[in-house]
C-alpha atoms as a PDB file:
ATOM      1  CA  MET A   1      -4.615 -15.432  30.840  1.00  0.00           C
ATOM      2  CA  ALA A   2      -4.984 -18.947  29.419  1.00  0.00           C
ATOM      3  CA  LEU A   3      -2.084 -20.333  27.464  1.00  0.00           C
ATOM      4  CA  ARG A   4      -2.565 -22.250  24.272  1.00  0.00           C
ATOM      5  CA  CYS A   5      -0.189 -24.818  22.848  1.00  0.00           C
ATOM      6  CA  SER A   6      -0.609 -26.239  19.390  1.00  0.00           C
ATOM      7  CA  THR A   7      -1.021 -29.980  19.139  1.00  0.00           C
ATOM      8  CA  ARG A   8       1.684 -30.023  16.471  1.00  0.00           C
ATOM      9  CA  ALA A   9       4.258 -28.292  18.718  1.00  0.00           C
ATOM     10  CA  PHE A  10       3.464 -30.559  21.657  1.00  0.00           C
ATOM     11  CA  ALA A  11       3.642 -33.719  19.529  1.00  0.00           C
ATOM     12  CA  SER A  12       6.935 -32.606  17.995  1.00  0.00           C
ATOM     13  CA  ALA A  13       8.516 -31.906  21.386  1.00  0.00           C
ATOM     14  CA  THR A  14       7.353 -35.162  22.951  1.00  0.00           C
ATOM     15  CA  ARG A  15       8.604 -37.230  20.006  1.00  0.00           C
ATOM     16  CA  SER A  16      12.145 -35.875  20.216  1.00  0.00           C
ATOM     17  CA  CYS A  17      12.356 -35.472  23.983  1.00  0.00           C
ATOM     18  CA  LEU A  18      13.972 -38.066  26.233  1.00  0.00           C
ATOM     19  CA  GLY A  19      12.386 -36.719  29.399  1.00  0.00           C
ATOM     20  CA  PRO A  20       9.566 -34.543  30.727  1.00  0.00           C
ATOM     21  CA  VAL A  21       8.030 -31.879  28.522  1.00  0.00           C
ATOM     22  CA  ALA A  22       7.189 -28.440  29.903  1.00  0.00           C
ATOM     23  CA  VAL A  23       4.673 -25.987  28.517  1.00  0.00           C
ATOM     24  CA  ARG A  24       5.800 -22.436  29.262  1.00  0.00           C
ATOM     25  CA  PRO A  25       4.501 -19.000  28.340  1.00  0.00           C
ATOM     26  CA  ALA A  26       6.103 -17.651  25.196  1.00  0.00           C
ATOM     27  CA  PRO A  27       7.409 -14.090  25.635  1.00  0.00           C
ATOM     28  CA  TYR A  28       4.949 -11.410  24.517  1.00  0.00           C
ATOM     29  CA  SER A  29       2.370 -13.951  23.369  1.00  0.00           C
ATOM     30  CA  ARG A  30      -0.787 -15.701  24.543  1.00  0.00           C
ATOM     31  CA  HIS A  31       0.588 -18.928  23.080  1.00  0.00           C
ATOM     32  CA  ALA A  32       2.687 -21.388  24.992  1.00  0.00           C
ATOM     33  CA  ARG A  33       6.121 -22.581  24.119  1.00  0.00           C
ATOM     34  CA  VAL A  34       6.809 -26.316  24.438  1.00  0.00           C
ATOM     35  CA  ALA A  35      10.211 -27.207  25.832  1.00  0.00           C
ATOM     36  CA  CYS A  36      11.959 -30.478  26.322  1.00  0.00           C
ATOM     37  CA  MET A  37      13.321 -30.678  29.858  1.00  0.00           C
ATOM     38  CA  ALA A  38      15.843 -33.409  29.010  1.00  0.00           C
ATOM     39  CA  SER A  39      18.016 -33.834  25.971  1.00  0.00           C
ATOM     40  CA  ALA A  40      20.153 -36.637  24.627  1.00  0.00           C
ATOM     41  CA  ALA A  41      23.057 -35.097  26.533  1.00  0.00           C
ATOM     42  CA  GLY A  42      20.988 -34.905  29.704  1.00  0.00           C
ATOM     43  CA  ALA A  43      19.952 -38.542  29.363  1.00  0.00           C
ATOM     44  CA  ALA A  44      23.567 -39.555  29.969  1.00  0.00           C
ATOM     45  CA  ALA A  45      23.114 -38.699  33.646  1.00  0.00           C
ATOM     46  CA  GLY A  46      21.707 -42.166  34.344  1.00  0.00           C
ATOM     47  CA  PRO A  47      23.546 -45.455  33.965  1.00  0.00           C
ATOM     48  CA  LYS A  48      25.015 -46.230  30.566  1.00  0.00           C
ATOM     49  CA  TYR A  49      24.407 -49.772  29.343  1.00  0.00           C
ATOM     50  CA  PHE A  50      25.899 -51.998  26.665  1.00  0.00           C
ATOM     51  CA  ILE A  51      24.833 -55.386  25.333  1.00  0.00           C
ATOM     52  CA  LEU A  52      27.519 -57.881  24.408  1.00  0.00           C
ATOM     53  CA  ASN A  53      26.217 -60.678  22.171  1.00  0.00           C
ATOM     54  CA  TYR A  54      28.279 -63.803  21.584  1.00  0.00           C
ATOM     55  CA  THR A  55      27.650 -66.259  18.777  1.00  0.00           C
ATOM     56  CA  TYR A  56      28.893 -69.709  19.767  1.00  0.00           C
ATOM     57  CA  VAL A  57      30.246 -72.507  17.613  1.00  0.00           C
ATOM     58  CA  PRO A  58      27.971 -75.523  17.075  1.00  0.00           C
ATOM     59  CA  ASP A  59      28.186 -78.059  19.926  1.00  0.00           C
ATOM     60  CA  ILE A  60      29.361 -75.404  22.401  1.00  0.00           C
ATOM     61  CA  LEU A  61      28.118 -77.483  25.332  1.00  0.00           C
ATOM     62  CA  GLU A  62      30.491 -80.309  24.409  1.00  0.00           C
ATOM     63  CA  LYS A  63      33.459 -78.023  23.629  1.00  0.00           C
ATOM     64  CA  ARG A  64      33.372 -75.523  26.516  1.00  0.00           C
ATOM     65  CA  GLY A  65      34.443 -77.864  29.344  1.00  0.00           C
ATOM     66  CA  PRO A  66      38.157 -77.023  29.624  1.00  0.00           C
ATOM     67  CA  TYR A  67      37.470 -73.245  29.461  1.00  0.00           C
ATOM     68  CA  ARG A  68      34.196 -72.854  31.371  1.00  0.00           C
ATOM     69  CA  GLU A  69      35.620 -72.210  34.851  1.00  0.00           C
ATOM     70  CA  ALA A  70      37.913 -69.424  33.623  1.00  0.00           C
ATOM     71  CA  HIS A  71      35.126 -67.993  31.424  1.00  0.00           C
ATOM     72  CA  LEU A  72      32.754 -67.785  34.412  1.00  0.00           C
ATOM     73  CA  ALA A  73      35.519 -66.377  36.643  1.00  0.00           C
ATOM     74  CA  GLY A  74      36.033 -63.509  34.195  1.00  0.00           C
ATOM     75  CA  ALA A  75      32.307 -62.762  34.122  1.00  0.00           C
ATOM     76  CA  ASN A  76      32.067 -62.943  37.919  1.00  0.00           C
ATOM     77  CA  LYS A  77      34.986 -60.513  38.236  1.00  0.00           C
ATOM     78  CA  GLN A  78      33.044 -57.993  36.122  1.00  0.00           C
ATOM     79  CA  LEU A  79      29.917 -58.654  38.203  1.00  0.00           C
ATOM     80  CA  LYS A  80      31.739 -57.992  41.485  1.00  0.00           C
ATOM     81  CA  ALA A  81      33.242 -54.806  40.013  1.00  0.00           C
ATOM     82  CA  GLY A  82      29.708 -53.569  39.331  1.00  0.00           C
ATOM     83  CA  GLN A  83      30.173 -53.471  35.560  1.00  0.00           C
ATOM     84  CA  LEU A  84      28.260 -56.614  34.587  1.00  0.00           C
ATOM     85  CA  VAL A  85      24.561 -56.664  35.454  1.00  0.00           C
ATOM     86  CA  MET A  86      23.743 -60.142  34.171  1.00  0.00           C
ATOM     87  CA  ALA A  87      24.829 -62.688  31.583  1.00  0.00           C
ATOM     88  CA  GLY A  88      23.728 -66.041  30.303  1.00  0.00           C
ATOM     89  CA  ALA A  89      23.314 -68.457  27.448  1.00  0.00           C
ATOM     90  CA  ALA A  90      20.766 -67.728  24.733  1.00  0.00           C
ATOM     91  CA  GLY A  91      18.775 -70.146  22.625  1.00  0.00           C
ATOM     92  CA  ASP A  92      17.503 -73.678  22.946  1.00  0.00           C
ATOM     93  CA  PRO A  93      19.724 -75.328  21.940  1.00  0.00           C
ATOM     94  CA  VAL A  94      22.359 -72.837  23.071  1.00  0.00           C
ATOM     95  CA  GLU A  95      23.619 -70.735  20.185  1.00  0.00           C
ATOM     96  CA  GLY A  96      25.140 -67.755  21.956  1.00  0.00           C
ATOM     97  CA  ALA A  97      25.247 -65.620  25.065  1.00  0.00           C
ATOM     98  CA  VAL A  98      24.086 -62.180  26.156  1.00  0.00           C
ATOM     99  CA  PHE A  99      25.913 -59.929  28.631  1.00  0.00           C
ATOM    100  CA  ILE A 100      24.444 -56.680  29.978  1.00  0.00           C
ATOM    101  CA  PHE A 101      27.132 -54.216  31.083  1.00  0.00           C
ATOM    102  CA  LYS A 102      26.550 -50.986  33.019  1.00  0.00           C
ATOM    103  CA  ASN A 103      28.681 -47.890  33.575  1.00  0.00           C
ATOM    104  CA  THR A 104      31.682 -49.083  31.616  1.00  0.00           C
ATOM    105  CA  SER A 105      33.155 -48.324  28.202  1.00  0.00           C
ATOM    106  CA  LYS A 106      33.094 -50.149  24.906  1.00  0.00           C
ATOM    107  CA  ASP A 107      36.896 -50.420  25.135  1.00  0.00           C
ATOM    108  CA  ALA A 108      36.662 -52.114  28.555  1.00  0.00           C
ATOM    109  CA  ILE A 109      34.114 -54.595  27.185  1.00  0.00           C
ATOM    110  CA  GLU A 110      36.378 -55.258  24.208  1.00  0.00           C
ATOM    111  CA  ALA A 111      39.220 -56.020  26.644  1.00  0.00           C
ATOM    112  CA  PHE A 112      36.902 -58.410  28.518  1.00  0.00           C
ATOM    113  CA  VAL A 113      36.085 -60.173  25.236  1.00  0.00           C
ATOM    114  CA  GLN A 114      39.725 -60.519  24.193  1.00  0.00           C
ATOM    115  CA  ALA A 115      40.621 -61.981  27.620  1.00  0.00           C
ATOM    116  CA  ASP A 116      37.741 -64.498  27.583  1.00  0.00           C
ATOM    117  CA  PRO A 117      38.984 -68.103  27.207  1.00  0.00           C
ATOM    118  CA  TYR A 118      35.967 -68.900  25.004  1.00  0.00           C
ATOM    119  CA  VAL A 119      37.104 -66.226  22.529  1.00  0.00           C
ATOM    120  CA  GLN A 120      40.805 -67.109  22.806  1.00  0.00           C
ATOM    121  CA  ASN A 121      40.056 -70.767  22.051  1.00  0.00           C
ATOM    122  CA  GLY A 122      37.763 -70.235  19.077  1.00  0.00           C
ATOM    123  CA  LEU A 123      34.403 -70.974  20.721  1.00  0.00           C
ATOM    124  CA  VAL A 124      33.065 -67.485  19.862  1.00  0.00           C
ATOM    125  CA  PRO A 125      33.448 -66.893  16.115  1.00  0.00           C
ATOM    126  CA  ASP A 126      31.435 -63.673  16.224  1.00  0.00           C
ATOM    127  CA  TYR A 127      30.326 -61.065  18.754  1.00  0.00           C
ATOM    128  CA  SER A 128      28.903 -57.559  18.875  1.00  0.00           C
ATOM    129  CA  ILE A 129      28.922 -54.727  21.416  1.00  0.00           C
ATOM    130  CA  LYS A 130      26.055 -52.248  21.205  1.00  0.00           C
ATOM    131  CA  PRO A 131      24.868 -49.361  23.380  1.00  0.00           C
ATOM    132  CA  TYR A 132      21.577 -50.136  25.110  1.00  0.00           C
ATOM    133  CA  THR A 133      19.055 -47.565  26.303  1.00  0.00           C
ATOM    134  CA  VAL A 134      16.638 -48.586  29.032  1.00  0.00           C
ATOM    135  CA  VAL A 135      13.185 -47.273  28.143  1.00  0.00           C
ATOM    136  CA  VAL A 136      10.942 -49.378  30.372  1.00  0.00           C
ATOM    137  CA  GLY A 137      12.054 -50.657  33.766  1.00  0.00           C
ATOM    138  CA  SER A 138      14.492 -49.533  36.394  1.00  0.00           C
ATOM    139  CA  PRO A 139      18.016 -48.781  35.274  1.00  0.00           C
END
C-alpha cells in the first residue's frame, strides 16, 4: 500500500523540527503521519554555545596596555579548559570583541566577565551574553 503525506503536514513538521523528519504510516489509515525525530530538548545533546560581545571604550588600543597580558591570560585559561572556542577584536577600528564559548553556563561566562581586567578597569562599558545555535558548520 502506498502512503500519502500532505504537503501541508510535511511543511509544518519540517519548519518546527530541529532534526530529521520521518514519514510513518498512520494507524488504520492509508495516509502517512509526519513526525519530527528531534525536538528542542533533543537538540541539547550537542554542544551548547554562547556568544559574549564586548563593547570597548574609544581608543581601546591606547588604553589596554597595562591590562592586556592579564586579559589574554584569562581568555587562554578558558581556552585550555575547553570552554572558549575562539575570541578576538571586532571592527576596524576596533570597537569591541567577540568570544565564542562552548559547553559552559551563562553564570560561568558572567564570572569570566567580572574577573576580566578590561571590565574591572572600565574598558568595557557594555557587554552581552547570548545563547548561540550552530545551524551551518561543525559544532
